[in-house]
Amino acid sequence: MLYRTYHGSAMSHAVAKASVAAWNDEEHVRANRALYARKFDTLQPRLAKALPCAMPEAAFYLWAETPIDDTAFAKQLLAEENVTVLPGRYLARDAHGQNPGRNRVRIALVSSESECAEAVERMASFAKRL
């Protein structure tokens, strides 16, 4: 039986060169950060009027409080407004009788700016009906 003295696998020269080029390109990173910053600056205040949510320090999602159970909120929002969010309890676990994600939803701002804006308006409308 043969054993390797290292973990993983060796990278081909072509893949290594492509990796170096990709990791050295920061322009797309700066552009993406600016896009997220613009979405947050525009959309968080709108959503916060209907669902309490703080501006995150470093994330690509909003963490909003729900007026009802987070799973029920997510299911109803999808059924009535065709907007998908992730129930907060799915991102945490019960500890000492509490789940820090309970009655919160994670709202990822990964779609285009116009799609995110429309989703926020739908969420706000939905929340006001509850």
C-alpha atoms as a PDB file:
ATOM      1  CA  MET A   1       0.000   0.000   0.000  1.00  0.00           C
ATOM      2  CA  LEU A   2       1.290   3.469  -0.878  1.00  0.00           C
ATOM      3  CA  TYR A   3       0.819   6.459   1.386  1.00  0.00           C
ATOM      4  CA  ARG A   4       1.048  10.110   0.517  1.00  0.00           C
ATOM      5  CA  THR A   5       3.053  12.403   2.741  1.00  0.00           C
ATOM      6  CA  TYR A   6       0.706  15.343   2.138  1.00  0.00           C
ATOM      7  CA  HIS A   7      -3.029  15.992   2.167  1.00  0.00           C
ATOM      8  CA  GLY A   8      -5.021  17.016  -0.865  1.00  0.00           C
ATOM      9  CA  SER A   9      -3.812  16.804  -4.396  1.00  0.00           C
ATOM     10  CA  ALA A  10      -1.276  18.637  -6.475  1.00  0.00           C
ATOM     11  CA  MET A  11      -2.596  21.366  -8.736  1.00  0.00           C
ATOM     12  CA  SER A  12      -1.649  21.472 -12.396  1.00  0.00           C
ATOM     13  CA  HIS A  13       0.446  24.412 -13.558  1.00  0.00           C
ATOM     14  CA  ALA A  14      -2.415  25.797 -15.677  1.00  0.00           C
ATOM     15  CA  VAL A  15      -4.857  25.672 -12.758  1.00  0.00           C
ATOM     16  CA  ALA A  16      -2.277  27.270 -10.442  1.00  0.00           C
ATOM     17  CA  LYS A  17      -1.753  30.161 -12.895  1.00  0.00           C
ATOM     18  CA  ALA A  18      -5.508  30.653 -13.270  1.00  0.00           C
ATOM     19  CA  SER A  19      -5.888  30.656  -9.477  1.00  0.00           C
ATOM     20  CA  VAL A  20      -3.207  33.303  -9.075  1.00  0.00           C
ATOM     21  CA  ALA A  21      -4.911  35.483 -11.690  1.00  0.00           C
ATOM     22  CA  ALA A  22      -8.306  35.086 -10.030  1.00  0.00           C
ATOM     23  CA  TRP A  23      -7.049  35.785  -6.509  1.00  0.00           C
ATOM     24  CA  ASN A  24      -5.152  38.859  -7.675  1.00  0.00           C
ATOM     25  CA  ASP A  25      -8.218  40.439  -9.317  1.00  0.00           C
ATOM     26  CA  GLU A  26      -9.786  42.697  -6.664  1.00  0.00           C
ATOM     27  CA  GLU A  27     -11.793  44.932  -8.998  1.00  0.00           C
ATOM     28  CA  HIS A  28     -14.808  42.605  -9.105  1.00  0.00           C
ATOM     29  CA  VAL A  29     -14.654  42.329  -5.297  1.00  0.00           C
ATOM     30  CA  ARG A  30     -14.764  46.111  -4.907  1.00  0.00           C
ATOM     31  CA  ALA A  31     -17.629  46.376  -7.391  1.00  0.00           C
ATOM     32  CA  ASN A  32     -19.588  43.653  -5.572  1.00  0.00           C
ATOM     33  CA  ARG A  33     -19.039  45.331  -2.177  1.00  0.00           C
ATOM     34  CA  ALA A  34     -20.301  48.628  -3.584  1.00  0.00           C
ATOM     35  CA  LEU A  35     -23.385  46.906  -5.001  1.00  0.00           C
ATOM     36  CA  TYR A  36     -24.214  45.282  -1.649  1.00  0.00           C
ATOM     37  CA  ALA A  37     -23.625  48.556   0.203  1.00  0.00           C
ATOM     38  CA  ARG A  38     -26.043  50.334  -2.128  1.00  0.00           C
ATOM     39  CA  LYS A  39     -28.691  47.602  -1.646  1.00  0.00           C
ATOM     40  CA  PHE A  40     -28.359  47.761   2.137  1.00  0.00           C
ATOM     41  CA  ASP A  41     -28.417  51.566   2.257  1.00  0.00           C
ATOM     42  CA  THR A  42     -31.574  51.650   0.139  1.00  0.00           C
ATOM     43  CA  LEU A  43     -33.488  48.578   1.259  1.00  0.00           C
ATOM     44  CA  GLN A  44     -32.826  48.137   4.970  1.00  0.00           C
ATOM     45  CA  PRO A  45     -34.632  51.361   5.977  1.00  0.00           C
ATOM     46  CA  ARG A  46     -37.645  50.388   3.843  1.00  0.00           C
ATOM     47  CA  LEU A  47     -37.879  46.925   5.363  1.00  0.00           C
ATOM     48  CA  ALA A  48     -37.258  48.185   8.905  1.00  0.00           C
ATOM     49  CA  LYS A  49     -40.508  50.187   8.720  1.00  0.00           C
ATOM     50  CA  ALA A  50     -42.421  46.896   8.519  1.00  0.00           C
ATOM     51  CA  LEU A  51     -40.081  44.349  10.122  1.00  0.00           C
ATOM     52  CA  PRO A  52     -37.483  45.310  12.726  1.00  0.00           C
ATOM     53  CA  CYS A  53     -34.025  44.663  11.271  1.00  0.00           C
ATOM     54  CA  ALA A  54     -30.702  46.264  12.027  1.00  0.00           C
ATOM     55  CA  MET A  55     -28.066  47.179   9.486  1.00  0.00           C
ATOM     56  CA  PRO A  56     -25.491  44.357   9.592  1.00  0.00           C
ATOM     57  CA  GLU A  57     -21.833  45.140  10.173  1.00  0.00           C
ATOM     58  CA  ALA A  58     -20.653  42.559   7.634  1.00  0.00           C
ATOM     59  CA  ALA A  59     -23.063  40.318   5.741  1.00  0.00           C
ATOM     60  CA  PHE A  60     -25.019  39.980   2.539  1.00  0.00           C
ATOM     61  CA  TYR A  61     -28.319  39.428   4.311  1.00  0.00           C
ATOM     62  CA  LEU A  62     -30.733  41.122   6.683  1.00  0.00           C
ATOM     63  CA  TRP A  63     -31.840  39.438   9.895  1.00  0.00           C
ATOM     64  CA  ALA A  64     -35.455  40.554  10.464  1.00  0.00           C
ATOM     65  CA  GLU A  65     -37.794  39.940  13.381  1.00  0.00           C
ATOM     66  CA  THR A  66     -41.125  38.347  12.507  1.00  0.00           C
ATOM     67  CA  PRO A  67     -44.463  39.104  14.176  1.00  0.00           C
ATOM     68  CA  ILE A  68     -45.377  35.405  14.015  1.00  0.00           C
ATOM     69  CA  ASP A  69     -43.501  32.099  14.089  1.00  0.00           C
ATOM     70  CA  ASP A  70     -40.564  32.298  11.653  1.00  0.00           C
ATOM     71  CA  THR A  71     -41.407  29.075   9.805  1.00  0.00           C
ATOM     72  CA  ALA A  72     -45.046  30.076   9.419  1.00  0.00           C
ATOM     73  CA  PHE A  73     -43.946  33.536   8.278  1.00  0.00           C
ATOM     74  CA  ALA A  74     -41.652  32.083   5.609  1.00  0.00           C
ATOM     75  CA  LYS A  75     -44.306  29.658   4.332  1.00  0.00           C
ATOM     76  CA  GLN A  76     -47.033  32.310   4.165  1.00  0.00           C
ATOM     77  CA  LEU A  77     -44.704  34.847   2.548  1.00  0.00           C
ATOM     78  CA  LEU A  78     -43.839  32.354  -0.169  1.00  0.00           C
ATOM     79  CA  ALA A  79     -47.472  31.362  -0.713  1.00  0.00           C
ATOM     80  CA  GLU A  80     -48.859  34.909  -0.765  1.00  0.00           C
ATOM     81  CA  GLU A  81     -46.017  37.010  -2.180  1.00  0.00           C
ATOM     82  CA  ASN A  82     -43.716  34.502  -3.914  1.00  0.00           C
ATOM     83  CA  VAL A  83     -40.716  35.663  -1.834  1.00  0.00           C
ATOM     84  CA  THR A  84     -38.352  33.164  -0.261  1.00  0.00           C
ATOM     85  CA  VAL A  85     -36.650  33.791   3.093  1.00  0.00           C
ATOM     86  CA  LEU A  86     -34.971  31.386   5.478  1.00  0.00           C
ATOM     87  CA  PRO A  87     -36.526  30.813   8.911  1.00  0.00           C
ATOM     88  CA  GLY A  88     -34.020  31.818  11.563  1.00  0.00           C
ATOM     89  CA  ARG A  89     -34.512  28.697  13.644  1.00  0.00           C
ATOM     90  CA  TYR A  90     -32.997  26.700  10.760  1.00  0.00           C
ATOM     91  CA  LEU A  91     -29.708  28.548  11.270  1.00  0.00           C
ATOM     92  CA  ALA A  92     -29.386  27.918  14.996  1.00  0.00           C
ATOM     93  CA  ARG A  93     -30.188  25.233  17.509  1.00  0.00           C
ATOM     94  CA  ASP A  94     -32.019  25.107  20.776  1.00  0.00           C
ATOM     95  CA  ALA A  95     -29.779  25.738  23.746  1.00  0.00           C
ATOM     96  CA  HIS A  96     -31.026  26.153  27.301  1.00  0.00           C
ATOM     97  CA  GLY A  97     -34.599  26.202  26.045  1.00  0.00           C
ATOM     98  CA  GLN A  98     -34.017  28.985  23.526  1.00  0.00           C
ATOM     99  CA  ASN A  99     -33.203  29.270  19.849  1.00  0.00           C
ATOM    100  CA  PRO A 100     -31.625  32.625  18.918  1.00  0.00           C
ATOM    101  CA  GLY A 101     -33.082  32.399  15.412  1.00  0.00           C
ATOM    102  CA  ARG A 102     -36.667  31.895  16.566  1.00  0.00           C
ATOM    103  CA  ASN A 103     -39.051  34.523  15.163  1.00  0.00           C
ATOM    104  CA  ARG A 104     -36.443  35.896  12.782  1.00  0.00           C
ATOM    105  CA  VAL A 105     -35.829  35.365   9.085  1.00  0.00           C
ATOM    106  CA  ARG A 106     -32.700  35.728   7.019  1.00  0.00           C
ATOM    107  CA  ILE A 107     -33.181  37.820   3.900  1.00  0.00           C
ATOM    108  CA  ALA A 108     -30.347  37.459   1.411  1.00  0.00           C
ATOM    109  CA  LEU A 109     -29.814  40.439  -0.888  1.00  0.00           C
ATOM    110  CA  VAL A 110     -28.140  38.401  -3.615  1.00  0.00           C
ATOM    111  CA  SER A 111     -30.497  39.089  -6.521  1.00  0.00           C
ATOM    112  CA  SER A 112     -30.373  42.195  -8.669  1.00  0.00           C
ATOM    113  CA  GLU A 113     -31.074  45.520  -7.029  1.00  0.00           C
ATOM    114  CA  SER A 114     -34.496  45.811  -8.675  1.00  0.00           C
ATOM    115  CA  GLU A 115     -35.496  42.261  -7.688  1.00  0.00           C
ATOM    116  CA  CYS A 116     -34.404  42.865  -4.089  1.00  0.00           C
ATOM    117  CA  ALA A 117     -36.358  46.137  -3.988  1.00  0.00           C
ATOM    118  CA  GLU A 118     -39.496  44.400  -5.242  1.00  0.00           C
ATOM    119  CA  ALA A 119     -39.058  41.589  -2.698  1.00  0.00           C
ATOM    120  CA  VAL A 120     -38.669  44.103   0.136  1.00  0.00           C
ATOM    121  CA  GLU A 121     -41.863  45.883  -0.935  1.00  0.00           C
ATOM    122  CA  ARG A 122     -43.713  42.550  -1.022  1.00  0.00           C
ATOM    123  CA  MET A 123     -42.369  41.600   2.424  1.00  0.00           C
ATOM    124  CA  ALA A 124     -43.390  44.966   3.873  1.00  0.00           C
ATOM    125  CA  SER A 125     -46.870  44.649   2.396  1.00  0.00           C
ATOM    126  CA  PHE A 126     -47.189  41.107   3.741  1.00  0.00           C
ATOM    127  CA  ALA A 127     -45.978  42.082   7.223  1.00  0.00           C
ATOM    128  CA  LYS A 128     -48.486  44.917   7.440  1.00  0.00           C
ATOM    129  CA  ARG A 129     -51.324  42.453   6.748  1.00  0.00           C
ATOM    130  CA  LEU A 130     -50.382  40.228   9.676  1.00  0.00           C
END
